[in-house]
Structures are given as C-alpha cells and as structure tokens.
Amino acid sequence: MVRFLAVLYTGLALSANVVLADTAGIEALREGTMKKLTFSDPVAVSDISFTDPDGGEFQLSDFKGKTVLVNFWATWCAPCRKEMPMLSELQTEFGGDHFEVVTIATGRNALPGIRKFFSETGVDNLPLFLDPKQKLARQMGVLGLPITVILDPEGQEIARMRGDAEWNSDSAKAIIAALIAAAGES
C-alpha cells in the first residue's frame, strides 16, 4: 500500500508541475492591459443561481466542459461599455464547444436598459444573464466592475481580472487560445 501511495503521489506531483509550467507559459503571453489578469490554482466557484430575462435559472456549473470567460458588468459602468464589444469579438472568434463568454449584469440593471446597452454597443452574440441582487457577485468576491473570471472546463476559477481590458488584443486572443489548447490536452 505504501508503495502504491508513493507512486500515486509521484504521478500527482509530476502532473502538478506540468499544470504549473503551462500556467507560467500562458502568463508569459500577458501584455498591455492583459497584465492585470492574475492566474491562480483552480478554485471552486459559487453554485448560486442567476437568471435569464425569462426567469430561467442557471449556475456557472452549467457551463462545465468549456473554458468560460465570465464577465460581471452593469449598464452604468463606462469601462463595461468599452470592453463589451471586445468580449463579443472573442465570442465570435473562439465561441463554440470549447469556449464561451458569459456576461452577467449584476445589481440594478433594468432589462430595457440592458437591451439598449447591447444594441448601442453592437453586441448581439453574448448571453443576457442577470444577478439583480448581486448574490452571485458577492459570493464570487466581485468588488467593483467590471470583473472578469476565467473558469477551466472543470468549472473552477483559474484567473481573474479587475477592471477593463482589451479583450480583442493579440495578447488576450493568445491567452484564450492557449487556455483552450491546454484544456484539450488534459
């Protein structure tokens, strides 16, 4: 039994080193505003529900199996207005079976205002999710907007950014492509 545990521990340690090396390589891709993106060991995320405009309930775990970029935003947030079209561009380029951008309007955001926001910013390919009482945002430690959280295919947080970023930059696209590729290798 001790021998089995020693072999298992060695295998886990080697796997952990590969994951850390991959993250270090991905971190090296950060340039410009993407330098604010901080990576961490995988962390479980909240199972608190959020809704769509029809009242349908969702949880972040509904997106397991994909690398997911979750963006917490609000209609009154000027930096959110700036970055939302860039998030839309990421979804257009990478969205599909392995990646998805999930936008969650947190706090008091009237549905007509959200629709107007999306229309004015030319966004028509991102989901419209709501967290009106900020339950999910509070549980996820969202202090200020925008906050972007990246989840691995297991549904765990692996990176976070406070504030806006140039999500359509070469750096952002390289990071997303590398995360998708790394997820495909595991």
N, C-alpha and C. Protein backbone atom coordinates (compact mmCIF):
# COMPACT_ATOMS: atom_id res chain seq x y z
N MET A 1 0.83 -1.19 0.00
CA MET A 1 0.00 0.00 0.00
C MET A 1 0.88 1.26 0.00
N VAL A 2 1.94 1.25 0.80
CA VAL A 2 2.82 2.42 0.87
C VAL A 2 3.45 2.65 -0.50
N ARG A 3 3.85 1.58 -1.15
CA ARG A 3 4.46 1.69 -2.49
C ARG A 3 3.47 2.31 -3.48
N PHE A 4 2.20 1.85 -3.44
CA PHE A 4 1.17 2.39 -4.31
C PHE A 4 0.99 3.89 -4.05
N LEU A 5 0.94 4.29 -2.79
CA LEU A 5 0.77 5.70 -2.46
C LEU A 5 1.97 6.52 -2.92
N ALA A 6 3.16 5.97 -2.83
CA ALA A 6 4.35 6.69 -3.29
C ALA A 6 4.29 6.91 -4.80
N VAL A 7 3.87 5.89 -5.55
CA VAL A 7 3.75 6.02 -7.00
C VAL A 7 2.65 7.03 -7.33
N LEU A 8 1.52 6.94 -6.64
CA LEU A 8 0.42 7.88 -6.87
C LEU A 8 0.86 9.31 -6.59
N TYR A 9 1.52 9.53 -5.47
CA TYR A 9 1.99 10.88 -5.11
C TYR A 9 2.96 11.41 -6.15
N THR A 10 3.88 10.56 -6.60
CA THR A 10 4.85 10.99 -7.62
C THR A 10 4.14 11.39 -8.90
N GLY A 11 3.15 10.60 -9.31
CA GLY A 11 2.38 10.92 -10.51
C GLY A 11 1.63 12.24 -10.36
N LEU A 12 1.02 12.44 -9.20
CA LEU A 12 0.31 13.69 -8.96
C LEU A 12 1.27 14.88 -8.95
N ALA A 13 2.42 14.70 -8.35
CA ALA A 13 3.40 15.78 -8.30
C ALA A 13 3.88 16.15 -9.70
N LEU A 14 4.14 15.14 -10.51
CA LEU A 14 4.57 15.41 -11.88
C LEU A 14 3.47 16.10 -12.67
N SER A 15 2.22 15.67 -12.48
CA SER A 15 1.09 16.32 -13.15
C SER A 15 0.97 17.77 -12.71
N ALA A 16 1.13 18.02 -11.43
CA ALA A 16 1.03 19.39 -10.91
C ALA A 16 2.11 20.27 -11.53
N ASN A 17 3.31 19.72 -11.70
CA ASN A 17 4.38 20.51 -12.30
C ASN A 17 4.06 20.85 -13.75
N VAL A 18 3.43 19.93 -14.47
CA VAL A 18 3.05 20.22 -15.86
C VAL A 18 2.03 21.34 -15.88
N VAL A 19 1.02 21.27 -15.01
CA VAL A 19 0.00 22.32 -14.95
C VAL A 19 0.64 23.66 -14.63
N LEU A 20 1.55 23.69 -13.63
CA LEU A 20 2.20 24.95 -13.27
C LEU A 20 3.04 25.49 -14.43
N ALA A 21 3.71 24.60 -15.14
CA ALA A 21 4.51 25.05 -16.28
C ALA A 21 3.61 25.63 -17.36
N ASP A 22 2.47 25.00 -17.62
CA ASP A 22 1.54 25.51 -18.62
C ASP A 22 1.04 26.89 -18.23
N THR A 23 0.68 27.07 -16.97
CA THR A 23 0.19 28.37 -16.50
C THR A 23 1.29 29.41 -16.65
N ALA A 24 2.51 29.06 -16.32
CA ALA A 24 3.61 30.02 -16.46
C ALA A 24 3.78 30.43 -17.91
N GLY A 25 3.64 29.48 -18.82
CA GLY A 25 3.74 29.79 -20.24
C GLY A 25 2.62 30.71 -20.69
N ILE A 26 1.43 30.47 -20.18
CA ILE A 26 0.28 31.31 -20.53
C ILE A 26 0.44 32.69 -19.92
N GLU A 27 0.92 32.75 -18.69
CA GLU A 27 1.15 34.04 -18.04
C GLU A 27 2.13 34.89 -18.83
N ALA A 28 3.08 34.26 -19.49
CA ALA A 28 4.09 34.98 -20.28
C ALA A 28 3.46 35.67 -21.49
N LEU A 29 2.25 35.28 -21.87
CA LEU A 29 1.56 35.88 -23.01
C LEU A 29 0.91 37.23 -22.66
N ARG A 30 0.88 37.55 -21.37
CA ARG A 30 0.19 38.78 -20.93
C ARG A 30 0.99 40.02 -21.32
N GLU A 31 0.34 40.89 -22.09
CA GLU A 31 0.93 42.18 -22.47
C GLU A 31 -0.15 43.24 -22.36
N GLY A 32 0.26 44.49 -22.22
CA GLY A 32 -0.70 45.60 -22.15
C GLY A 32 -1.67 45.43 -21.00
N THR A 33 -2.95 45.66 -21.28
CA THR A 33 -3.96 45.57 -20.21
C THR A 33 -4.12 44.15 -19.70
N MET A 34 -3.69 43.17 -20.45
CA MET A 34 -3.81 41.77 -20.01
C MET A 34 -2.86 41.45 -18.86
N LYS A 35 -1.91 42.33 -18.57
CA LYS A 35 -1.02 42.10 -17.42
C LYS A 35 -1.79 42.11 -16.11
N LYS A 36 -3.00 42.68 -16.12
CA LYS A 36 -3.84 42.70 -14.91
C LYS A 36 -4.48 41.34 -14.64
N LEU A 37 -4.43 40.43 -15.60
CA LEU A 37 -5.02 39.10 -15.44
C LEU A 37 -4.12 38.28 -14.52
N THR A 38 -4.67 37.86 -13.39
CA THR A 38 -3.88 37.08 -12.44
C THR A 38 -4.38 35.63 -12.43
N PHE A 39 -3.44 34.71 -12.53
CA PHE A 39 -3.76 33.29 -12.52
C PHE A 39 -3.63 32.75 -11.11
N SER A 40 -4.38 31.69 -10.83
CA SER A 40 -4.32 31.05 -9.52
C SER A 40 -4.50 29.55 -9.71
N ASP A 41 -4.22 28.82 -8.65
CA ASP A 41 -4.57 27.41 -8.66
C ASP A 41 -6.08 27.33 -8.80
N PRO A 42 -6.60 26.26 -9.39
CA PRO A 42 -8.06 26.14 -9.56
C PRO A 42 -8.80 26.26 -8.22
N VAL A 43 -9.86 27.06 -8.24
CA VAL A 43 -10.67 27.33 -7.04
C VAL A 43 -12.13 27.06 -7.39
N ALA A 44 -12.83 26.38 -6.51
CA ALA A 44 -14.26 26.13 -6.72
C ALA A 44 -15.01 27.46 -6.76
N VAL A 45 -16.06 27.52 -7.58
CA VAL A 45 -16.86 28.73 -7.67
C VAL A 45 -18.25 28.49 -7.08
N SER A 46 -18.96 29.57 -6.89
CA SER A 46 -20.28 29.54 -6.27
C SER A 46 -21.28 28.75 -7.10
N ASP A 47 -22.25 28.14 -6.41
CA ASP A 47 -23.34 27.46 -7.11
C ASP A 47 -24.63 28.28 -7.03
N ILE A 48 -24.52 29.55 -6.64
CA ILE A 48 -25.69 30.42 -6.57
C ILE A 48 -26.22 30.67 -7.98
N SER A 49 -27.52 30.66 -8.12
CA SER A 49 -28.17 30.83 -9.42
C SER A 49 -28.21 32.28 -9.87
N PHE A 50 -28.24 32.44 -11.19
CA PHE A 50 -28.52 33.72 -11.84
C PHE A 50 -29.57 33.40 -12.89
N THR A 51 -30.16 34.42 -13.51
CA THR A 51 -31.30 34.18 -14.39
C THR A 51 -31.09 34.76 -15.78
N ASP A 52 -31.94 34.30 -16.69
CA ASP A 52 -32.04 34.94 -17.99
C ASP A 52 -33.27 35.87 -17.94
N PRO A 53 -33.54 36.64 -18.99
CA PRO A 53 -34.67 37.57 -18.95
C PRO A 53 -36.03 36.91 -18.74
N ASP A 54 -36.16 35.62 -19.09
CA ASP A 54 -37.42 34.91 -18.92
C ASP A 54 -37.56 34.28 -17.54
N GLY A 55 -36.56 34.47 -16.67
CA GLY A 55 -36.61 33.90 -15.33
C GLY A 55 -36.00 32.52 -15.22
N GLY A 56 -35.45 32.01 -16.32
CA GLY A 56 -34.77 30.71 -16.28
C GLY A 56 -33.55 30.80 -15.38
N GLU A 57 -33.33 29.78 -14.57
CA GLU A 57 -32.21 29.79 -13.64
C GLU A 57 -31.03 29.02 -14.20
N PHE A 58 -29.87 29.58 -13.96
CA PHE A 58 -28.60 28.99 -14.41
C PHE A 58 -27.60 29.05 -13.27
N GLN A 59 -26.58 28.20 -13.38
CA GLN A 59 -25.44 28.22 -12.47
C GLN A 59 -24.18 28.15 -13.33
N LEU A 60 -23.08 28.60 -12.77
CA LEU A 60 -21.83 28.53 -13.53
C LEU A 60 -21.48 27.09 -13.90
N SER A 61 -21.91 26.15 -13.07
CA SER A 61 -21.63 24.73 -13.36
C SER A 61 -22.33 24.26 -14.63
N ASP A 62 -23.33 24.99 -15.11
CA ASP A 62 -24.00 24.64 -16.37
C ASP A 62 -23.06 24.73 -17.56
N PHE A 63 -21.94 25.41 -17.39
CA PHE A 63 -21.00 25.63 -18.49
C PHE A 63 -19.78 24.73 -18.42
N LYS A 64 -19.81 23.75 -17.50
CA LYS A 64 -18.68 22.81 -17.39
C LYS A 64 -18.43 22.14 -18.74
N GLY A 65 -17.17 21.83 -18.97
CA GLY A 65 -16.77 21.22 -20.22
C GLY A 65 -16.16 22.22 -21.19
N LYS A 66 -16.26 23.51 -20.84
CA LYS A 66 -15.71 24.58 -21.68
C LYS A 66 -14.80 25.46 -20.83
N THR A 67 -13.88 26.12 -21.48
CA THR A 67 -13.19 27.25 -20.86
C THR A 67 -14.18 28.40 -20.96
N VAL A 68 -14.46 29.06 -19.83
CA VAL A 68 -15.51 30.08 -19.79
C VAL A 68 -14.94 31.38 -19.25
N LEU A 69 -15.20 32.46 -19.98
CA LEU A 69 -14.84 33.80 -19.53
C LEU A 69 -16.14 34.42 -19.01
N VAL A 70 -16.22 34.63 -17.69
CA VAL A 70 -17.41 35.20 -17.05
C VAL A 70 -17.12 36.67 -16.77
N ASN A 71 -17.98 37.53 -17.30
CA ASN A 71 -17.80 38.97 -17.11
C ASN A 71 -18.97 39.53 -16.32
N PHE A 72 -18.66 40.11 -15.15
CA PHE A 72 -19.66 40.79 -14.32
C PHE A 72 -19.63 42.26 -14.72
N TRP A 73 -20.80 42.83 -15.05
CA TRP A 73 -20.86 44.18 -15.59
C TRP A 73 -22.18 44.85 -15.17
N ALA A 74 -22.33 46.12 -15.54
CA ALA A 74 -23.57 46.86 -15.30
C ALA A 74 -23.74 47.92 -16.39
N THR A 75 -24.98 48.32 -16.61
CA THR A 75 -25.28 49.29 -17.66
C THR A 75 -24.66 50.66 -17.38
N TRP A 76 -24.49 51.01 -16.13
CA TRP A 76 -23.95 52.32 -15.75
C TRP A 76 -22.43 52.37 -15.76
N CYS A 77 -21.79 51.25 -16.02
CA CYS A 77 -20.33 51.11 -15.93
C CYS A 77 -19.67 51.49 -17.25
N ALA A 78 -18.98 52.65 -17.27
CA ALA A 78 -18.33 53.12 -18.50
C ALA A 78 -17.27 52.14 -19.03
N PRO A 79 -16.41 51.59 -18.17
CA PRO A 79 -15.44 50.61 -18.70
C PRO A 79 -16.12 49.36 -19.28
N CYS A 80 -17.29 49.01 -18.74
CA CYS A 80 -18.03 47.86 -19.28
C CYS A 80 -18.48 48.15 -20.70
N ARG A 81 -18.93 49.37 -20.94
CA ARG A 81 -19.38 49.78 -22.28
C ARG A 81 -18.22 49.67 -23.27
N LYS A 82 -17.03 50.01 -22.80
CA LYS A 82 -15.85 49.97 -23.67
C LYS A 82 -15.45 48.53 -24.01
N GLU A 83 -15.52 47.64 -23.02
CA GLU A 83 -14.99 46.30 -23.27
C GLU A 83 -16.02 45.30 -23.81
N MET A 84 -17.31 45.58 -23.68
CA MET A 84 -18.31 44.61 -24.12
C MET A 84 -18.17 44.24 -25.61
N PRO A 85 -17.95 45.20 -26.53
CA PRO A 85 -17.75 44.80 -27.93
C PRO A 85 -16.52 43.90 -28.12
N MET A 86 -15.51 44.09 -27.30
CA MET A 86 -14.31 43.26 -27.39
C MET A 86 -14.60 41.83 -26.92
N LEU A 87 -15.43 41.71 -25.89
CA LEU A 87 -15.84 40.38 -25.42
C LEU A 87 -16.67 39.69 -26.50
N SER A 88 -17.50 40.48 -27.17
CA SER A 88 -18.30 39.95 -28.28
C SER A 88 -17.39 39.42 -29.39
N GLU A 89 -16.32 40.15 -29.66
CA GLU A 89 -15.36 39.72 -30.68
C GLU A 89 -14.69 38.39 -30.28
N LEU A 90 -14.36 38.24 -28.98
CA LEU A 90 -13.79 36.97 -28.51
C LEU A 90 -14.77 35.83 -28.72
N GLN A 91 -16.04 36.08 -28.40
CA GLN A 91 -17.05 35.04 -28.59
C GLN A 91 -17.17 34.66 -30.06
N THR A 92 -17.15 35.65 -30.94
CA THR A 92 -17.23 35.38 -32.38
C THR A 92 -16.05 34.53 -32.84
N GLU A 93 -14.86 34.86 -32.37
CA GLU A 93 -13.66 34.15 -32.82
C GLU A 93 -13.49 32.78 -32.19
N PHE A 94 -13.79 32.66 -30.88
CA PHE A 94 -13.48 31.41 -30.17
C PHE A 94 -14.69 30.63 -29.68
N GLY A 95 -15.87 31.26 -29.65
CA GLY A 95 -17.05 30.62 -29.08
C GLY A 95 -17.41 29.32 -29.78
N GLY A 96 -17.89 28.37 -29.00
CA GLY A 96 -18.26 27.07 -29.56
C GLY A 96 -18.22 26.00 -28.49
N ASP A 97 -17.85 24.81 -28.90
CA ASP A 97 -17.85 23.66 -27.99
C ASP A 97 -16.81 23.76 -26.87
N HIS A 98 -15.75 24.57 -27.07
CA HIS A 98 -14.65 24.59 -26.10
C HIS A 98 -14.49 25.91 -25.36
N PHE A 99 -15.22 26.94 -25.76
CA PHE A 99 -15.08 28.26 -25.14
C PHE A 99 -16.38 29.03 -25.22
N GLU A 100 -16.65 29.81 -24.17
CA GLU A 100 -17.83 30.66 -24.17
C GLU A 100 -17.61 31.88 -23.29
N VAL A 101 -18.11 33.01 -23.76
CA VAL A 101 -18.16 34.24 -22.96
C VAL A 101 -19.54 34.30 -22.33
N VAL A 102 -19.57 34.45 -21.01
CA VAL A 102 -20.83 34.55 -20.26
C VAL A 102 -20.84 35.91 -19.58
N THR A 103 -21.79 36.75 -19.95
CA THR A 103 -21.90 38.09 -19.37
C THR A 103 -23.05 38.10 -18.37
N ILE A 104 -22.78 38.62 -17.17
CA ILE A 104 -23.79 38.66 -16.11
C ILE A 104 -23.93 40.09 -15.61
N ALA A 105 -25.08 40.71 -15.90
CA ALA A 105 -25.38 42.05 -15.40
C ALA A 105 -25.70 41.92 -13.92
N THR A 106 -24.90 42.56 -13.09
CA THR A 106 -25.08 42.42 -11.65
C THR A 106 -25.58 43.72 -11.05
N GLY A 107 -26.46 43.61 -10.08
CA GLY A 107 -27.05 44.79 -9.45
C GLY A 107 -28.29 45.24 -10.20
N ARG A 108 -28.68 46.48 -9.94
CA ARG A 108 -29.89 47.02 -10.54
C ARG A 108 -29.64 47.44 -11.98
N ASN A 109 -30.11 46.64 -12.88
CA ASN A 109 -29.99 46.88 -14.32
C ASN A 109 -31.33 46.52 -14.93
N ALA A 110 -32.11 47.52 -15.31
CA ALA A 110 -33.41 47.25 -15.92
C ALA A 110 -33.21 46.55 -17.26
N LEU A 111 -34.08 45.58 -17.54
CA LEU A 111 -33.97 44.81 -18.77
C LEU A 111 -33.99 45.70 -20.01
N PRO A 112 -34.87 46.71 -20.11
CA PRO A 112 -34.80 47.59 -21.30
C PRO A 112 -33.45 48.30 -21.41
N GLY A 113 -32.86 48.68 -20.28
CA GLY A 113 -31.55 49.33 -20.28
C GLY A 113 -30.45 48.38 -20.74
N ILE A 114 -30.55 47.13 -20.34
CA ILE A 114 -29.56 46.12 -20.76
C ILE A 114 -29.66 45.90 -22.27
N ARG A 115 -30.88 45.78 -22.76
CA ARG A 115 -31.06 45.58 -24.21
C ARG A 115 -30.55 46.78 -24.99
N LYS A 116 -30.82 47.98 -24.47
CA LYS A 116 -30.34 49.21 -25.13
C LYS A 116 -28.81 49.23 -25.12
N PHE A 117 -28.20 48.87 -23.99
CA PHE A 117 -26.74 48.80 -23.86
C PHE A 117 -26.16 47.88 -24.93
N PHE A 118 -26.72 46.66 -25.05
CA PHE A 118 -26.23 45.71 -26.05
C PHE A 118 -26.40 46.27 -27.45
N SER A 119 -27.54 46.89 -27.72
CA SER A 119 -27.81 47.46 -29.04
C SER A 119 -26.83 48.58 -29.36
N GLU A 120 -26.64 49.50 -28.43
CA GLU A 120 -25.74 50.63 -28.65
C GLU A 120 -24.28 50.21 -28.82
N THR A 121 -23.90 49.11 -28.20
CA THR A 121 -22.52 48.65 -28.32
C THR A 121 -22.34 47.63 -29.44
N GLY A 122 -23.43 47.32 -30.16
CA GLY A 122 -23.35 46.40 -31.29
C GLY A 122 -23.17 44.96 -30.90
N VAL A 123 -23.57 44.59 -29.69
CA VAL A 123 -23.39 43.22 -29.20
C VAL A 123 -24.68 42.44 -29.42
N ASP A 124 -24.57 41.37 -30.20
CA ASP A 124 -25.76 40.54 -30.44
C ASP A 124 -25.47 39.05 -30.29
N ASN A 125 -24.29 38.72 -29.80
CA ASN A 125 -23.92 37.30 -29.70
C ASN A 125 -23.56 36.87 -28.29
N LEU A 126 -23.80 37.72 -27.30
CA LEU A 126 -23.49 37.36 -25.92
C LEU A 126 -24.77 37.12 -25.14
N PRO A 127 -24.72 36.21 -24.17
CA PRO A 127 -25.92 35.91 -23.40
C PRO A 127 -26.30 37.07 -22.48
N LEU A 128 -27.57 37.17 -22.22
CA LEU A 128 -28.08 38.20 -21.33
C LEU A 128 -28.49 37.52 -20.04
N PHE A 129 -27.59 37.56 -19.04
CA PHE A 129 -27.86 36.95 -17.75
C PHE A 129 -27.91 38.04 -16.69
N LEU A 130 -28.69 37.79 -15.64
CA LEU A 130 -28.94 38.78 -14.60
C LEU A 130 -28.63 38.24 -13.21
N ASP A 131 -28.05 39.09 -12.40
CA ASP A 131 -27.78 38.82 -10.98
C ASP A 131 -28.25 40.07 -10.22
N PRO A 132 -29.57 40.34 -10.22
CA PRO A 132 -30.09 41.62 -9.73
C PRO A 132 -29.81 41.91 -8.26
N LYS A 133 -29.75 40.89 -7.43
CA LYS A 133 -29.50 41.11 -6.00
C LYS A 133 -28.03 40.90 -5.64
N GLN A 134 -27.21 40.73 -6.66
CA GLN A 134 -25.76 40.57 -6.52
C GLN A 134 -25.36 39.40 -5.63
N LYS A 135 -26.20 38.39 -5.55
CA LYS A 135 -25.88 37.23 -4.72
C LYS A 135 -24.65 36.49 -5.25
N LEU A 136 -24.67 36.22 -6.56
CA LEU A 136 -23.52 35.52 -7.15
C LEU A 136 -22.29 36.40 -7.09
N ALA A 137 -22.45 37.67 -7.45
CA ALA A 137 -21.30 38.60 -7.44
C ALA A 137 -20.67 38.66 -6.04
N ARG A 138 -21.49 38.78 -5.02
CA ARG A 138 -20.94 38.84 -3.64
C ARG A 138 -20.22 37.55 -3.30
N GLN A 139 -20.85 36.43 -3.63
CA GLN A 139 -20.26 35.12 -3.32
C GLN A 139 -18.92 34.94 -4.04
N MET A 140 -18.79 35.55 -5.22
CA MET A 140 -17.57 35.42 -6.02
C MET A 140 -16.56 36.52 -5.72
N GLY A 141 -16.84 37.37 -4.74
CA GLY A 141 -15.88 38.41 -4.36
C GLY A 141 -15.75 39.52 -5.39
N VAL A 142 -16.86 39.83 -6.07
CA VAL A 142 -16.84 40.90 -7.07
C VAL A 142 -17.02 42.23 -6.34
N LEU A 143 -15.95 43.00 -6.31
CA LEU A 143 -15.95 44.32 -5.68
C LEU A 143 -15.57 45.32 -6.76
N GLY A 144 -16.53 46.04 -7.27
CA GLY A 144 -16.28 46.96 -8.37
C GLY A 144 -16.52 46.25 -9.69
N LEU A 145 -16.71 47.02 -10.73
CA LEU A 145 -16.99 46.47 -12.05
C LEU A 145 -16.13 47.16 -13.09
N PRO A 146 -15.82 46.49 -14.16
CA PRO A 146 -16.08 45.08 -14.43
C PRO A 146 -15.07 44.16 -13.74
N ILE A 147 -15.52 42.96 -13.52
CA ILE A 147 -14.65 41.87 -13.04
C ILE A 147 -14.83 40.72 -14.02
N THR A 148 -13.73 40.15 -14.45
CA THR A 148 -13.77 39.01 -15.35
C THR A 148 -13.08 37.83 -14.68
N VAL A 149 -13.74 36.69 -14.74
CA VAL A 149 -13.24 35.46 -14.13
C VAL A 149 -13.17 34.41 -15.23
N ILE A 150 -12.07 33.70 -15.29
CA ILE A 150 -11.94 32.62 -16.27
C ILE A 150 -12.03 31.29 -15.54
N LEU A 151 -12.91 30.43 -16.06
CA LEU A 151 -13.12 29.11 -15.49
C LEU A 151 -12.53 28.06 -16.41
N ASP A 152 -11.94 27.02 -15.82
CA ASP A 152 -11.45 25.90 -16.62
C ASP A 152 -12.63 24.98 -16.96
N PRO A 153 -12.43 23.98 -17.80
CA PRO A 153 -13.54 23.09 -18.15
C PRO A 153 -14.14 22.31 -16.98
N GLU A 154 -13.42 22.26 -15.87
CA GLU A 154 -13.97 21.62 -14.67
C GLU A 154 -14.87 22.56 -13.89
N GLY A 155 -14.96 23.82 -14.36
CA GLY A 155 -15.82 24.80 -13.70
C GLY A 155 -15.15 25.50 -12.54
N GLN A 156 -13.83 25.47 -12.49
CA GLN A 156 -13.09 26.11 -11.41
C GLN A 156 -12.43 27.40 -11.89
N GLU A 157 -12.39 28.38 -11.02
CA GLU A 157 -11.74 29.64 -11.36
C GLU A 157 -10.24 29.44 -11.46
N ILE A 158 -9.65 29.91 -12.57
CA ILE A 158 -8.20 29.79 -12.75
C ILE A 158 -7.54 31.15 -12.99
N ALA A 159 -8.36 32.18 -13.26
CA ALA A 159 -7.80 33.51 -13.50
C ALA A 159 -8.87 34.55 -13.23
N ARG A 160 -8.40 35.79 -12.92
CA ARG A 160 -9.32 36.88 -12.60
C ARG A 160 -8.68 38.20 -13.01
N MET A 161 -9.55 39.11 -13.45
CA MET A 161 -9.09 40.46 -13.78
C MET A 161 -10.07 41.47 -13.18
N ARG A 162 -9.49 42.47 -12.53
CA ARG A 162 -10.27 43.60 -12.04
C ARG A 162 -10.11 44.73 -13.04
N GLY A 163 -11.23 45.32 -13.44
CA GLY A 163 -11.18 46.41 -14.39
C GLY A 163 -11.29 45.92 -15.82
N ASP A 164 -11.32 46.87 -16.72
CA ASP A 164 -11.50 46.53 -18.13
C ASP A 164 -10.17 46.16 -18.78
N ALA A 165 -10.30 45.54 -19.93
CA ALA A 165 -9.11 45.12 -20.68
C ALA A 165 -9.43 45.14 -22.16
N GLU A 166 -8.39 45.08 -22.93
CA GLU A 166 -8.53 45.00 -24.38
C GLU A 166 -8.63 43.52 -24.76
N TRP A 167 -9.86 43.01 -24.65
CA TRP A 167 -10.09 41.59 -24.88
C TRP A 167 -9.96 41.19 -26.35
N ASN A 168 -9.85 42.17 -27.25
CA ASN A 168 -9.63 41.84 -28.65
C ASN A 168 -8.17 42.00 -29.05
N SER A 169 -7.29 42.20 -28.08
CA SER A 169 -5.86 42.36 -28.37
C SER A 169 -5.24 41.01 -28.74
N ASP A 170 -4.09 41.07 -29.39
CA ASP A 170 -3.36 39.85 -29.72
C ASP A 170 -3.02 39.06 -28.46
N SER A 171 -2.67 39.78 -27.39
CA SER A 171 -2.33 39.12 -26.13
C SER A 171 -3.52 38.35 -25.58
N ALA A 172 -4.69 38.99 -25.52
CA ALA A 172 -5.89 38.33 -24.99
C ALA A 172 -6.24 37.10 -25.83
N LYS A 173 -6.17 37.25 -27.14
CA LYS A 173 -6.51 36.13 -28.02
C LYS A 173 -5.51 34.99 -27.87
N ALA A 174 -4.25 35.31 -27.68
CA ALA A 174 -3.23 34.27 -27.47
C ALA A 174 -3.48 33.53 -26.16
N ILE A 175 -3.86 34.27 -25.13
CA ILE A 175 -4.15 33.65 -23.82
C ILE A 175 -5.34 32.72 -23.94
N ILE A 176 -6.43 33.19 -24.56
CA ILE A 176 -7.62 32.35 -24.70
C ILE A 176 -7.30 31.11 -25.54
N ALA A 177 -6.61 31.29 -26.63
CA ALA A 177 -6.23 30.14 -27.48
C ALA A 177 -5.39 29.14 -26.69
N ALA A 178 -4.45 29.64 -25.89
CA ALA A 178 -3.59 28.75 -25.09
C ALA A 178 -4.40 28.01 -24.02
N LEU A 179 -5.35 28.70 -23.39
CA LEU A 179 -6.19 28.05 -22.37
C LEU A 179 -7.05 26.96 -23.00
N ILE A 180 -7.61 27.24 -24.16
CA ILE A 180 -8.42 26.25 -24.86
C ILE A 180 -7.56 25.05 -25.24
N ALA A 181 -6.36 25.32 -25.77
CA ALA A 181 -5.46 24.23 -26.16
C ALA A 181 -5.03 23.40 -24.95
N ALA A 182 -4.72 24.07 -23.84
CA ALA A 182 -4.30 23.36 -22.62
C ALA A 182 -5.44 22.48 -22.11
N ALA A 183 -6.67 22.97 -22.19
CA ALA A 183 -7.82 22.19 -21.74
C ALA A 183 -8.01 20.96 -22.62
N GLY A 184 -7.71 21.10 -23.91
CA GLY A 184 -7.84 19.98 -24.83
C GLY A 184 -6.80 18.89 -24.60
N GLU A 185 -5.67 19.28 -23.99
CA GLU A 185 -4.59 18.32 -23.73
C GLU A 185 -4.82 17.54 -22.45
N SER A 186 -5.68 18.07 -21.57
CA SER A 186 -5.86 17.38 -20.27
C SER A 186 -6.96 16.36 -20.30
